Amino acid sequence: MKIGTDGVLLGAWTSLKNKPNSILDIGAGTGLLSLMLAQRSLAENIEALEIDEDAYEQCVANFEASPWADRLFCYHAGLDEFIEEIEEPYDLIISNPPFYIEAVSSGNSARDKARQNKSLPFDELLEGVSKLLAKDGLFTTIIPFKEEAHFLKLADEFKLFPQKILRVKGNATTLIKRSLLSFSFKKSEVVINELIIELERHQYTEEYRALTKDFYLKM
């Protein structure tokens, strides 16, 4: 799996104001979000969940090679079976879920599986979060903007209420492409902002640079 802009955005944007001590990364892939949160936080327990065997093995290798290996752990399991084993809720849950609802093919079956919504439907993700999140916890995710209204409606059914929304455009002339969403069990006024990534090809906006500069070798 290549490092994508979606993951970098989510890992950088996710709030750590509640100073989480326990973090869960659902559908971790090769561990990008967990590693970013280990870099950004002092959380003692950062756990990742990945069902694909190859991605799981790469995630474990990446964790072991990182400076934060003692705080990172990856489970090779599906969300449904993981829920049955966990006793303590998490202060922060983060997920860059599969999001292509329509059938697509990149020529790489593992990549296609990771990006197909049917491998982790939004309702199953939200139900899992509602069971695993601490009462004062935070859940953050990134989805296609066209799915935002549907996702918010589903979240409401599980008593997960939006706190912040960041809508992302590739450049000033394109349509909104992604929505970054932050949820908790508490209702509050939703803070909505917009981010433009590029002024032109490979010329990044100051806002995008400020948000992600700590995670790029060259920016």
N, C-alpha and C. Protein backbone atom coordinates (compact mmCIF):
# COMPACT_ATOMS: atom_id res chain seq x y z
N MET A 1 0.84 -1.19 0.00
CA MET A 1 0.00 0.00 0.00
C MET A 1 0.88 1.25 0.00
N LYS A 2 0.64 2.14 -0.94
CA LYS A 2 1.38 3.39 -0.96
C LYS A 2 0.84 4.34 0.12
N ILE A 3 1.71 5.23 0.58
CA ILE A 3 1.25 6.27 1.51
C ILE A 3 0.39 7.24 0.73
N GLY A 4 -0.84 7.47 1.20
CA GLY A 4 -1.75 8.35 0.48
C GLY A 4 -1.99 9.64 1.23
N THR A 5 -2.44 10.65 0.49
CA THR A 5 -2.76 11.94 1.09
C THR A 5 -3.85 11.81 2.15
N ASP A 6 -4.83 10.94 1.91
CA ASP A 6 -5.92 10.77 2.87
C ASP A 6 -5.39 10.42 4.26
N GLY A 7 -4.51 9.43 4.32
CA GLY A 7 -3.98 9.00 5.59
C GLY A 7 -3.16 10.08 6.28
N VAL A 8 -2.32 10.77 5.51
CA VAL A 8 -1.50 11.84 6.08
C VAL A 8 -2.39 12.95 6.63
N LEU A 9 -3.41 13.32 5.87
CA LEU A 9 -4.34 14.35 6.34
C LEU A 9 -5.02 13.94 7.65
N LEU A 10 -5.53 12.72 7.70
CA LEU A 10 -6.26 12.27 8.88
C LEU A 10 -5.35 12.18 10.10
N GLY A 11 -4.16 11.63 9.91
CA GLY A 11 -3.22 11.50 11.02
C GLY A 11 -2.76 12.83 11.57
N ALA A 12 -2.65 13.83 10.69
CA ALA A 12 -2.20 15.16 11.11
C ALA A 12 -3.34 15.98 11.71
N TRP A 13 -4.55 15.80 11.18
CA TRP A 13 -5.71 16.63 11.58
C TRP A 13 -6.35 16.17 12.88
N THR A 14 -6.29 14.90 13.17
CA THR A 14 -6.97 14.35 14.36
C THR A 14 -6.52 15.07 15.63
N SER A 15 -7.49 15.53 16.39
CA SER A 15 -7.20 16.28 17.61
C SER A 15 -6.70 15.36 18.73
N LEU A 16 -5.72 15.87 19.47
CA LEU A 16 -5.20 15.16 20.64
C LEU A 16 -5.42 15.98 21.90
N LYS A 17 -6.39 16.89 21.84
CA LYS A 17 -6.64 17.78 22.97
C LYS A 17 -7.07 17.03 24.23
N ASN A 18 -7.71 15.88 24.04
CA ASN A 18 -8.12 15.11 25.22
C ASN A 18 -7.01 14.22 25.77
N LYS A 19 -5.79 14.39 25.21
CA LYS A 19 -4.60 13.68 25.66
C LYS A 19 -4.86 12.18 25.84
N PRO A 20 -5.19 11.51 24.75
CA PRO A 20 -5.54 10.08 24.85
C PRO A 20 -4.38 9.24 25.36
N ASN A 21 -4.71 8.29 26.21
CA ASN A 21 -3.71 7.34 26.68
C ASN A 21 -3.81 6.03 25.92
N SER A 22 -5.01 5.75 25.38
CA SER A 22 -5.21 4.54 24.60
C SER A 22 -5.83 4.90 23.25
N ILE A 23 -5.25 4.38 22.18
CA ILE A 23 -5.66 4.70 20.81
C ILE A 23 -5.85 3.42 20.03
N LEU A 24 -6.91 3.37 19.21
CA LEU A 24 -7.15 2.23 18.32
C LEU A 24 -7.24 2.72 16.88
N ASP A 25 -6.49 2.06 16.00
CA ASP A 25 -6.49 2.35 14.56
C ASP A 25 -7.17 1.17 13.86
N ILE A 26 -8.39 1.40 13.37
CA ILE A 26 -9.17 0.34 12.74
C ILE A 26 -8.89 0.29 11.23
N GLY A 27 -8.46 -0.88 10.76
CA GLY A 27 -8.09 -1.00 9.35
C GLY A 27 -6.78 -0.30 9.10
N ALA A 28 -5.76 -0.71 9.85
CA ALA A 28 -4.51 0.05 9.93
C ALA A 28 -3.68 0.02 8.65
N GLY A 29 -3.92 -0.96 7.78
CA GLY A 29 -3.06 -1.05 6.60
C GLY A 29 -1.63 -1.35 7.05
N THR A 30 -0.69 -0.53 6.63
CA THR A 30 0.70 -0.74 7.01
C THR A 30 1.10 0.08 8.23
N GLY A 31 0.12 0.68 8.91
CA GLY A 31 0.38 1.31 10.20
C GLY A 31 0.63 2.79 10.19
N LEU A 32 0.36 3.47 9.08
CA LEU A 32 0.67 4.90 8.96
C LEU A 32 0.04 5.73 10.08
N LEU A 33 -1.27 5.59 10.29
CA LEU A 33 -1.95 6.43 11.27
C LEU A 33 -1.42 6.18 12.68
N SER A 34 -1.20 4.93 13.02
CA SER A 34 -0.67 4.61 14.35
C SER A 34 0.71 5.23 14.55
N LEU A 35 1.53 5.16 13.54
CA LEU A 35 2.88 5.74 13.63
C LEU A 35 2.81 7.27 13.76
N MET A 36 1.91 7.89 13.02
CA MET A 36 1.76 9.35 13.12
C MET A 36 1.30 9.76 14.51
N LEU A 37 0.37 9.01 15.06
CA LEU A 37 -0.14 9.35 16.39
C LEU A 37 0.88 9.04 17.47
N ALA A 38 1.71 8.04 17.25
CA ALA A 38 2.81 7.78 18.18
C ALA A 38 3.79 8.95 18.16
N GLN A 39 4.04 9.49 16.97
CA GLN A 39 4.94 10.64 16.84
C GLN A 39 4.34 11.88 17.50
N ARG A 40 3.02 12.05 17.41
CA ARG A 40 2.37 13.27 17.89
C ARG A 40 1.99 13.24 19.36
N SER A 41 1.85 12.06 19.95
CA SER A 41 1.26 11.96 21.28
C SER A 41 2.16 11.21 22.25
N LEU A 42 1.72 11.20 23.51
CA LEU A 42 2.41 10.44 24.56
C LEU A 42 1.58 9.22 24.97
N ALA A 43 0.61 8.86 24.14
CA ALA A 43 -0.24 7.71 24.45
C ALA A 43 0.61 6.47 24.72
N GLU A 44 0.31 5.79 25.81
CA GLU A 44 1.10 4.62 26.20
C GLU A 44 0.68 3.37 25.44
N ASN A 45 -0.55 3.36 24.95
CA ASN A 45 -1.08 2.16 24.31
C ASN A 45 -1.73 2.52 22.97
N ILE A 46 -1.06 2.17 21.88
CA ILE A 46 -1.59 2.42 20.54
C ILE A 46 -1.72 1.08 19.84
N GLU A 47 -2.97 0.69 19.59
CA GLU A 47 -3.24 -0.61 19.00
C GLU A 47 -3.83 -0.47 17.61
N ALA A 48 -3.44 -1.34 16.72
CA ALA A 48 -3.90 -1.32 15.33
C ALA A 48 -4.60 -2.64 15.01
N LEU A 49 -5.56 -2.56 14.13
CA LEU A 49 -6.34 -3.72 13.74
C LEU A 49 -6.30 -3.84 12.23
N GLU A 50 -5.84 -4.98 11.73
CA GLU A 50 -5.73 -5.17 10.28
C GLU A 50 -6.05 -6.61 9.92
N ILE A 51 -7.00 -6.81 9.00
CA ILE A 51 -7.45 -8.15 8.64
C ILE A 51 -6.64 -8.78 7.51
N ASP A 52 -6.06 -7.97 6.62
CA ASP A 52 -5.28 -8.50 5.50
C ASP A 52 -3.92 -8.98 6.00
N GLU A 53 -3.55 -10.21 5.69
CA GLU A 53 -2.34 -10.80 6.26
C GLU A 53 -1.07 -10.08 5.82
N ASP A 54 -0.96 -9.76 4.54
CA ASP A 54 0.25 -9.09 4.06
C ASP A 54 0.39 -7.70 4.68
N ALA A 55 -0.71 -6.95 4.73
CA ALA A 55 -0.67 -5.62 5.34
C ALA A 55 -0.34 -5.73 6.83
N TYR A 56 -0.92 -6.72 7.50
CA TYR A 56 -0.64 -6.94 8.93
C TYR A 56 0.86 -7.18 9.15
N GLU A 57 1.45 -8.05 8.35
CA GLU A 57 2.87 -8.34 8.52
C GLU A 57 3.73 -7.11 8.27
N GLN A 58 3.36 -6.30 7.28
CA GLN A 58 4.10 -5.07 7.02
C GLN A 58 3.92 -4.07 8.16
N CYS A 59 2.70 -4.02 8.71
CA CYS A 59 2.41 -3.13 9.83
C CYS A 59 3.28 -3.49 11.03
N VAL A 60 3.35 -4.77 11.36
CA VAL A 60 4.18 -5.22 12.48
C VAL A 60 5.64 -4.86 12.25
N ALA A 61 6.13 -5.08 11.03
CA ALA A 61 7.52 -4.75 10.72
C ALA A 61 7.78 -3.24 10.86
N ASN A 62 6.82 -2.44 10.40
CA ASN A 62 6.97 -0.99 10.51
C ASN A 62 6.96 -0.54 11.96
N PHE A 63 6.10 -1.14 12.77
CA PHE A 63 6.06 -0.81 14.20
C PHE A 63 7.40 -1.14 14.86
N GLU A 64 7.91 -2.34 14.57
CA GLU A 64 9.14 -2.80 15.20
C GLU A 64 10.34 -1.95 14.79
N ALA A 65 10.28 -1.38 13.60
CA ALA A 65 11.39 -0.57 13.10
C ALA A 65 11.30 0.89 13.55
N SER A 66 10.22 1.25 14.21
CA SER A 66 10.00 2.65 14.59
C SER A 66 10.59 2.95 15.97
N PRO A 67 10.76 4.24 16.30
CA PRO A 67 11.24 4.61 17.64
C PRO A 67 10.21 4.38 18.74
N TRP A 68 8.97 4.03 18.36
CA TRP A 68 7.89 3.90 19.34
C TRP A 68 7.39 2.47 19.46
N ALA A 69 8.27 1.51 19.16
CA ALA A 69 7.87 0.10 19.12
C ALA A 69 7.24 -0.38 20.43
N ASP A 70 7.68 0.18 21.54
CA ASP A 70 7.17 -0.27 22.84
C ASP A 70 5.74 0.20 23.12
N ARG A 71 5.23 1.11 22.27
CA ARG A 71 3.87 1.63 22.48
C ARG A 71 2.89 1.16 21.40
N LEU A 72 3.38 0.40 20.43
CA LEU A 72 2.58 0.02 19.27
C LEU A 72 2.35 -1.48 19.22
N PHE A 73 1.12 -1.88 18.90
CA PHE A 73 0.81 -3.30 18.76
C PHE A 73 -0.26 -3.49 17.69
N CYS A 74 -0.09 -4.48 16.84
CA CYS A 74 -1.07 -4.74 15.78
C CYS A 74 -1.71 -6.11 15.95
N TYR A 75 -3.05 -6.14 15.83
CA TYR A 75 -3.82 -7.38 15.87
C TYR A 75 -4.18 -7.79 14.44
N HIS A 76 -4.06 -9.09 14.16
CA HIS A 76 -4.49 -9.63 12.88
C HIS A 76 -5.88 -10.21 13.06
N ALA A 77 -6.90 -9.38 12.87
CA ALA A 77 -8.28 -9.81 13.14
C ALA A 77 -9.26 -8.87 12.47
N GLY A 78 -10.49 -9.33 12.33
CA GLY A 78 -11.57 -8.49 11.86
C GLY A 78 -12.18 -7.72 13.02
N LEU A 79 -12.88 -6.66 12.71
CA LEU A 79 -13.45 -5.81 13.75
C LEU A 79 -14.44 -6.57 14.62
N ASP A 80 -15.26 -7.41 14.02
CA ASP A 80 -16.29 -8.13 14.78
C ASP A 80 -15.68 -9.05 15.85
N GLU A 81 -14.63 -9.79 15.49
CA GLU A 81 -14.01 -10.67 16.47
C GLU A 81 -13.18 -9.90 17.48
N PHE A 82 -12.63 -8.78 17.07
CA PHE A 82 -11.83 -7.95 17.96
C PHE A 82 -12.69 -7.39 19.09
N ILE A 83 -13.91 -6.97 18.76
CA ILE A 83 -14.81 -6.39 19.76
C ILE A 83 -15.06 -7.36 20.91
N GLU A 84 -15.15 -8.63 20.59
CA GLU A 84 -15.46 -9.64 21.61
C GLU A 84 -14.32 -9.83 22.61
N GLU A 85 -13.10 -9.45 22.22
CA GLU A 85 -11.93 -9.69 23.07
C GLU A 85 -11.56 -8.49 23.94
N ILE A 86 -12.07 -7.31 23.61
CA ILE A 86 -11.61 -6.08 24.27
C ILE A 86 -12.49 -5.74 25.47
N GLU A 87 -11.84 -5.42 26.58
CA GLU A 87 -12.56 -5.09 27.81
C GLU A 87 -12.53 -3.59 28.11
N GLU A 88 -11.41 -2.93 27.83
CA GLU A 88 -11.26 -1.51 28.14
C GLU A 88 -11.52 -0.67 26.90
N PRO A 89 -12.33 0.41 27.02
CA PRO A 89 -12.59 1.28 25.87
C PRO A 89 -11.38 2.15 25.54
N TYR A 90 -11.41 2.76 24.38
CA TYR A 90 -10.29 3.57 23.90
C TYR A 90 -10.63 5.06 23.97
N ASP A 91 -9.62 5.87 24.31
CA ASP A 91 -9.80 7.32 24.39
C ASP A 91 -9.92 7.94 23.00
N LEU A 92 -9.27 7.32 22.03
CA LEU A 92 -9.30 7.81 20.64
C LEU A 92 -9.35 6.63 19.70
N ILE A 93 -10.27 6.68 18.75
CA ILE A 93 -10.34 5.69 17.67
C ILE A 93 -10.21 6.44 16.36
N ILE A 94 -9.37 5.91 15.49
CA ILE A 94 -9.12 6.54 14.20
C ILE A 94 -9.25 5.48 13.11
N SER A 95 -9.78 5.88 11.95
CA SER A 95 -9.92 4.91 10.86
C SER A 95 -9.93 5.61 9.51
N ASN A 96 -9.10 5.11 8.61
CA ASN A 96 -9.15 5.50 7.20
C ASN A 96 -9.78 4.31 6.49
N PRO A 97 -11.12 4.26 6.45
CA PRO A 97 -11.81 3.03 6.04
C PRO A 97 -11.80 2.84 4.53
N PRO A 98 -12.07 1.61 4.08
CA PRO A 98 -12.29 1.39 2.65
C PRO A 98 -13.50 2.18 2.21
N PHE A 99 -13.44 2.78 1.03
CA PHE A 99 -14.52 3.70 0.70
C PHE A 99 -15.07 3.60 -0.71
N TYR A 100 -14.52 2.75 -1.56
CA TYR A 100 -15.08 2.65 -2.90
C TYR A 100 -16.27 1.70 -2.88
N ILE A 101 -17.46 2.26 -2.83
CA ILE A 101 -18.67 1.43 -2.79
C ILE A 101 -18.89 0.74 -4.14
N GLU A 102 -18.62 1.47 -5.22
CA GLU A 102 -18.76 0.86 -6.54
C GLU A 102 -17.58 -0.06 -6.81
N ALA A 103 -17.79 -1.05 -7.67
CA ALA A 103 -16.71 -1.99 -7.99
C ALA A 103 -15.65 -1.28 -8.81
N VAL A 104 -14.40 -1.39 -8.36
CA VAL A 104 -13.28 -0.80 -9.10
C VAL A 104 -12.15 -1.82 -9.11
N SER A 105 -11.25 -1.66 -10.06
CA SER A 105 -10.09 -2.52 -10.10
C SER A 105 -8.85 -1.73 -10.47
N SER A 106 -7.82 -1.88 -9.65
CA SER A 106 -6.55 -1.23 -9.94
C SER A 106 -5.56 -2.21 -10.54
N GLY A 107 -5.97 -3.49 -10.63
CA GLY A 107 -5.06 -4.52 -11.09
C GLY A 107 -4.33 -5.18 -9.94
N ASN A 108 -4.54 -4.67 -8.72
CA ASN A 108 -3.91 -5.23 -7.53
C ASN A 108 -5.03 -5.67 -6.59
N SER A 109 -5.23 -6.98 -6.45
CA SER A 109 -6.38 -7.49 -5.70
C SER A 109 -6.35 -7.10 -4.24
N ALA A 110 -5.15 -7.07 -3.63
CA ALA A 110 -5.06 -6.69 -2.22
C ALA A 110 -5.44 -5.23 -2.03
N ARG A 111 -4.98 -4.38 -2.92
CA ARG A 111 -5.31 -2.95 -2.84
C ARG A 111 -6.80 -2.74 -3.07
N ASP A 112 -7.37 -3.47 -4.03
CA ASP A 112 -8.81 -3.34 -4.29
C ASP A 112 -9.62 -3.76 -3.07
N LYS A 113 -9.21 -4.87 -2.43
CA LYS A 113 -9.93 -5.34 -1.25
C LYS A 113 -9.89 -4.29 -0.15
N ALA A 114 -8.74 -3.66 0.03
CA ALA A 114 -8.58 -2.66 1.08
C ALA A 114 -9.43 -1.43 0.83
N ARG A 115 -9.77 -1.18 -0.45
CA ARG A 115 -10.49 0.04 -0.78
C ARG A 115 -11.97 -0.19 -1.05
N GLN A 116 -12.42 -1.44 -0.94
CA GLN A 116 -13.82 -1.72 -1.18
C GLN A 116 -14.64 -1.55 0.09
N ASN A 117 -15.67 -0.75 0.03
CA ASN A 117 -16.52 -0.50 1.19
C ASN A 117 -17.10 -1.78 1.77
N LYS A 118 -17.36 -2.76 0.91
CA LYS A 118 -18.02 -3.98 1.38
C LYS A 118 -17.14 -4.77 2.35
N SER A 119 -15.81 -4.53 2.37
CA SER A 119 -14.95 -5.25 3.30
C SER A 119 -15.04 -4.69 4.71
N LEU A 120 -15.52 -3.46 4.87
CA LEU A 120 -15.82 -2.87 6.18
C LEU A 120 -16.90 -1.81 5.97
N PRO A 121 -18.16 -2.24 5.87
CA PRO A 121 -19.25 -1.28 5.64
C PRO A 121 -19.28 -0.21 6.72
N PHE A 122 -19.72 0.99 6.35
CA PHE A 122 -19.74 2.10 7.28
C PHE A 122 -20.57 1.80 8.53
N ASP A 123 -21.70 1.09 8.37
CA ASP A 123 -22.53 0.81 9.54
C ASP A 123 -21.82 -0.12 10.51
N GLU A 124 -21.05 -1.08 9.99
CA GLU A 124 -20.30 -1.98 10.87
C GLU A 124 -19.17 -1.23 11.57
N LEU A 125 -18.52 -0.33 10.86
CA LEU A 125 -17.47 0.48 11.46
C LEU A 125 -18.03 1.32 12.60
N LEU A 126 -19.13 2.00 12.35
CA LEU A 126 -19.71 2.87 13.36
C LEU A 126 -20.25 2.09 14.55
N GLU A 127 -20.85 0.94 14.30
CA GLU A 127 -21.31 0.11 15.40
C GLU A 127 -20.13 -0.32 16.27
N GLY A 128 -19.05 -0.71 15.62
CA GLY A 128 -17.85 -1.11 16.36
C GLY A 128 -17.30 0.04 17.19
N VAL A 129 -17.23 1.21 16.59
CA VAL A 129 -16.74 2.39 17.31
C VAL A 129 -17.61 2.68 18.52
N SER A 130 -18.92 2.59 18.35
CA SER A 130 -19.84 2.89 19.45
C SER A 130 -19.63 1.95 20.63
N LYS A 131 -19.12 0.75 20.38
CA LYS A 131 -18.88 -0.22 21.45
C LYS A 131 -17.49 -0.10 22.05
N LEU A 132 -16.54 0.43 21.29
CA LEU A 132 -15.14 0.45 21.73
C LEU A 132 -14.68 1.81 22.25
N LEU A 133 -15.46 2.86 21.99
CA LEU A 133 -15.03 4.21 22.35
C LEU A 133 -15.42 4.55 23.79
N ALA A 134 -14.49 5.15 24.53
CA ALA A 134 -14.76 5.60 25.89
C ALA A 134 -15.82 6.70 25.85
N LYS A 135 -16.54 6.89 26.95
CA LYS A 135 -17.66 7.84 26.97
C LYS A 135 -17.21 9.27 26.68
N ASP A 136 -15.97 9.60 27.02
CA ASP A 136 -15.43 10.93 26.72
C ASP A 136 -14.45 10.88 25.55
N GLY A 137 -14.51 9.79 24.78
CA GLY A 137 -13.54 9.58 23.72
C GLY A 137 -13.88 10.31 22.43
N LEU A 138 -12.95 10.20 21.47
CA LEU A 138 -13.07 10.86 20.17
C LEU A 138 -12.85 9.84 19.08
N PHE A 139 -13.64 9.94 18.01
CA PHE A 139 -13.48 9.10 16.83
C PHE A 139 -13.29 9.99 15.62
N THR A 140 -12.25 9.73 14.83
CA THR A 140 -12.02 10.51 13.62
C THR A 140 -11.86 9.59 12.41
N THR A 141 -12.29 10.10 11.26
CA THR A 141 -12.22 9.30 10.03
C THR A 141 -12.20 10.22 8.82
N ILE A 142 -11.93 9.64 7.66
CA ILE A 142 -11.97 10.38 6.40
C ILE A 142 -12.75 9.56 5.38
N ILE A 143 -13.67 10.21 4.68
CA ILE A 143 -14.54 9.53 3.72
C ILE A 143 -14.72 10.41 2.49
N PRO A 144 -15.25 9.87 1.40
CA PRO A 144 -15.59 10.71 0.25
C PRO A 144 -16.66 11.73 0.66
N PHE A 145 -16.53 12.94 0.17
CA PHE A 145 -17.51 13.99 0.50
C PHE A 145 -18.92 13.57 0.11
N LYS A 146 -19.05 12.84 -0.99
CA LYS A 146 -20.39 12.44 -1.44
C LYS A 146 -21.06 11.49 -0.46
N GLU A 147 -20.29 10.89 0.45
CA GLU A 147 -20.85 9.98 1.45
C GLU A 147 -21.08 10.68 2.80
N GLU A 148 -20.76 11.97 2.88
CA GLU A 148 -20.79 12.64 4.18
C GLU A 148 -22.17 12.61 4.84
N ALA A 149 -23.20 13.02 4.11
CA ALA A 149 -24.55 13.09 4.68
C ALA A 149 -25.01 11.72 5.16
N HIS A 150 -24.76 10.69 4.34
CA HIS A 150 -25.14 9.33 4.70
C HIS A 150 -24.39 8.86 5.94
N PHE A 151 -23.10 9.16 6.00
CA PHE A 151 -22.28 8.74 7.13
C PHE A 151 -22.74 9.42 8.42
N LEU A 152 -23.05 10.71 8.34
CA LEU A 152 -23.52 11.44 9.52
C LEU A 152 -24.85 10.87 10.03
N LYS A 153 -25.71 10.49 9.10
CA LYS A 153 -26.99 9.89 9.49
C LYS A 153 -26.78 8.56 10.18
N LEU A 154 -25.90 7.73 9.64
CA LEU A 154 -25.59 6.45 10.27
C LEU A 154 -24.98 6.65 11.65
N ALA A 155 -24.07 7.61 11.76
CA ALA A 155 -23.41 7.87 13.04
C ALA A 155 -24.42 8.27 14.11
N ASP A 156 -25.39 9.07 13.70
CA ASP A 156 -26.42 9.53 14.63
C ASP A 156 -27.20 8.34 15.22
N GLU A 157 -27.38 7.30 14.42
CA GLU A 157 -28.10 6.12 14.89
C GLU A 157 -27.34 5.41 16.01
N PHE A 158 -26.02 5.60 16.06
CA PHE A 158 -25.20 5.00 17.10
C PHE A 158 -24.79 6.02 18.16
N LYS A 159 -25.52 7.14 18.20
CA LYS A 159 -25.29 8.19 19.20
C LYS A 159 -23.88 8.78 19.11
N LEU A 160 -23.35 8.81 17.90
CA LEU A 160 -22.07 9.46 17.64
C LEU A 160 -22.36 10.77 16.92
N PHE A 161 -21.93 11.88 17.52
CA PHE A 161 -22.31 13.19 17.02
C PHE A 161 -21.09 13.96 16.52
N PRO A 162 -21.22 14.61 15.36
CA PRO A 162 -20.07 15.32 14.78
C PRO A 162 -19.63 16.50 15.63
N GLN A 163 -18.33 16.66 15.75
CA GLN A 163 -17.74 17.80 16.46
C GLN A 163 -17.08 18.76 15.46
N LYS A 164 -16.31 18.19 14.54
CA LYS A 164 -15.61 18.99 13.54
C LYS A 164 -15.69 18.29 12.18
N ILE A 165 -15.76 19.10 11.13
CA ILE A 165 -15.74 18.59 9.76
C ILE A 165 -14.76 19.44 8.96
N LEU A 166 -13.85 18.79 8.25
CA LEU A 166 -12.94 19.48 7.34
C LEU A 166 -13.17 18.93 5.94
N ARG A 167 -13.60 19.79 5.04
CA ARG A 167 -13.86 19.39 3.66
C ARG A 167 -12.66 19.77 2.79
N VAL A 168 -12.20 18.81 2.00
CA VAL A 168 -10.93 18.94 1.30
C VAL A 168 -11.11 19.00 -0.21
N LYS A 169 -10.45 19.98 -0.83
CA LYS A 169 -10.42 20.13 -2.28
C LYS A 169 -8.99 20.00 -2.77
N GLY A 170 -8.84 19.39 -3.96
CA GLY A 170 -7.51 19.27 -4.53
C GLY A 170 -6.90 20.62 -4.84
N ASN A 171 -7.69 21.48 -5.48
CA ASN A 171 -7.27 22.87 -5.72
C ASN A 171 -8.52 23.75 -5.72
N ALA A 172 -8.33 25.03 -5.90
CA ALA A 172 -9.44 25.97 -5.73
C ALA A 172 -10.56 25.77 -6.75
N THR A 173 -10.26 25.17 -7.89
CA THR A 173 -11.26 25.05 -8.95
C THR A 173 -11.97 23.69 -8.98
N THR A 174 -11.52 22.75 -8.17
CA THR A 174 -12.12 21.42 -8.17
C THR A 174 -13.23 21.31 -7.13
N LEU A 175 -14.03 20.26 -7.25
CA LEU A 175 -15.09 20.00 -6.29
C LEU A 175 -14.50 19.45 -4.99
N ILE A 176 -15.25 19.55 -3.91
CA ILE A 176 -14.83 18.95 -2.65
C ILE A 176 -14.72 17.44 -2.84
N LYS A 177 -13.60 16.88 -2.42
CA LYS A 177 -13.33 15.46 -2.66
C LYS A 177 -13.47 14.60 -1.40
N ARG A 178 -13.00 15.10 -0.27
CA ARG A 178 -12.98 14.31 0.96
C ARG A 178 -13.61 15.10 2.11
N SER A 179 -14.10 14.35 3.10
CA SER A 179 -14.56 14.93 4.36
C SER A 179 -13.83 14.24 5.50
N LEU A 180 -13.15 15.04 6.33
CA LEU A 180 -12.59 14.53 7.57
C LEU A 180 -13.59 14.83 8.67
N LEU A 181 -13.91 13.82 9.47
CA LEU A 181 -14.98 13.94 10.45
C LEU A 181 -14.48 13.55 11.83
N SER A 182 -14.91 14.31 12.83
CA SER A 182 -14.58 14.03 14.21
C SER A 182 -15.87 13.87 15.01
N PHE A 183 -15.99 12.78 15.78
CA PHE A 183 -17.21 12.46 16.51
C PHE A 183 -16.94 12.23 17.99
N SER A 184 -17.98 12.47 18.80
CA SER A 184 -17.97 12.04 20.20
C SER A 184 -19.40 11.67 20.57
N PHE A 185 -19.59 11.26 21.81
CA PHE A 185 -20.94 10.94 22.29
C PHE A 185 -21.69 12.17 22.79
N LYS A 186 -21.05 13.33 22.71
CA LYS A 186 -21.67 14.56 23.20
C LYS A 186 -22.09 15.44 22.01
N LYS A 187 -23.30 15.97 22.08
CA LYS A 187 -23.76 16.88 21.05
C LYS A 187 -23.15 18.26 21.27
N SER A 188 -22.75 18.90 20.18
CA SER A 188 -22.22 20.26 20.27
C SER A 188 -22.36 20.91 18.90
N GLU A 189 -22.12 22.20 18.83
CA GLU A 189 -22.15 22.89 17.55
C GLU A 189 -20.99 22.42 16.68
N VAL A 190 -21.29 22.06 15.46
CA VAL A 190 -20.27 21.50 14.57
C VAL A 190 -19.42 22.62 13.96
N VAL A 191 -18.11 22.46 14.05
CA VAL A 191 -17.17 23.40 13.44
C VAL A 191 -16.80 22.87 12.06
N ILE A 192 -17.14 23.63 11.01
CA ILE A 192 -16.90 23.19 9.63
C ILE A 192 -15.89 24.11 8.97
N ASN A 193 -14.86 23.49 8.39
CA ASN A 193 -13.84 24.26 7.66
C ASN A 193 -13.55 23.58 6.32
N GLU A 194 -12.78 24.29 5.49
CA GLU A 194 -12.40 23.78 4.17
C GLU A 194 -10.90 23.91 4.00
N LEU A 195 -10.30 22.91 3.35
CA LEU A 195 -8.86 22.92 3.08
C LEU A 195 -8.62 22.68 1.61
N ILE A 196 -7.79 23.50 1.00
CA ILE A 196 -7.33 23.30 -0.37
C ILE A 196 -5.90 22.80 -0.32
N ILE A 197 -5.61 21.72 -1.03
CA ILE A 197 -4.29 21.10 -0.94
C ILE A 197 -3.25 21.81 -1.79
N GLU A 198 -3.58 22.09 -3.07
CA GLU A 198 -2.58 22.63 -3.99
C GLU A 198 -3.03 23.94 -4.63
N LEU A 199 -2.07 24.83 -4.84
CA LEU A 199 -2.29 26.01 -5.66
C LEU A 199 -2.24 25.60 -7.13
N GLU A 200 -1.26 24.77 -7.45
CA GLU A 200 -1.12 24.11 -8.75
C GLU A 200 -0.33 22.84 -8.50
N ARG A 201 -0.11 22.04 -9.52
CA ARG A 201 0.50 20.73 -9.35
C ARG A 201 1.81 20.81 -8.57
N HIS A 202 1.84 20.11 -7.41
CA HIS A 202 3.01 20.05 -6.54
C HIS A 202 3.38 21.39 -5.90
N GLN A 203 2.48 22.36 -5.98
CA GLN A 203 2.67 23.63 -5.27
C GLN A 203 1.60 23.69 -4.18
N TYR A 204 1.99 23.37 -2.96
CA TYR A 204 1.02 23.19 -1.88
C TYR A 204 0.67 24.50 -1.19
N THR A 205 -0.56 24.57 -0.72
CA THR A 205 -1.01 25.77 -0.01
C THR A 205 -0.33 25.84 1.36
N GLU A 206 -0.28 27.03 1.92
CA GLU A 206 0.32 27.21 3.24
C GLU A 206 -0.43 26.42 4.30
N GLU A 207 -1.76 26.35 4.14
CA GLU A 207 -2.57 25.62 5.12
C GLU A 207 -2.23 24.13 5.11
N TYR A 208 -2.06 23.56 3.92
CA TYR A 208 -1.72 22.15 3.83
C TYR A 208 -0.30 21.91 4.36
N ARG A 209 0.61 22.79 4.03
CA ARG A 209 1.98 22.67 4.54
C ARG A 209 2.01 22.71 6.07
N ALA A 210 1.29 23.65 6.63
CA ALA A 210 1.28 23.81 8.08
C ALA A 210 0.73 22.56 8.78
N LEU A 211 -0.28 21.96 8.16
CA LEU A 211 -0.92 20.79 8.76
C LEU A 211 -0.05 19.55 8.69
N THR A 212 0.68 19.36 7.58
CA THR A 212 1.33 18.07 7.32
C THR A 212 2.86 18.10 7.31
N LYS A 213 3.47 19.25 7.50
CA LYS A 213 4.93 19.38 7.31
C LYS A 213 5.75 18.45 8.21
N ASP A 214 5.23 18.11 9.38
CA ASP A 214 5.99 17.25 10.29
C ASP A 214 6.10 15.81 9.82
N PHE A 215 5.41 15.48 8.73
CA PHE A 215 5.35 14.09 8.29
C PHE A 215 5.92 13.86 6.89
N TYR A 216 6.47 14.90 6.30
CA TYR A 216 7.10 14.76 4.99
C TYR A 216 8.59 15.08 5.10
N LEU A 217 9.42 14.29 4.42
CA LEU A 217 10.84 14.59 4.37
C LEU A 217 11.09 15.80 3.50
N LYS A 218 10.28 15.94 2.44
CA LYS A 218 10.40 17.08 1.53
C LYS A 218 9.03 17.70 1.38
N MET A 219 8.90 18.97 1.70
CA MET A 219 7.61 19.65 1.62
C MET A 219 7.84 21.08 1.14
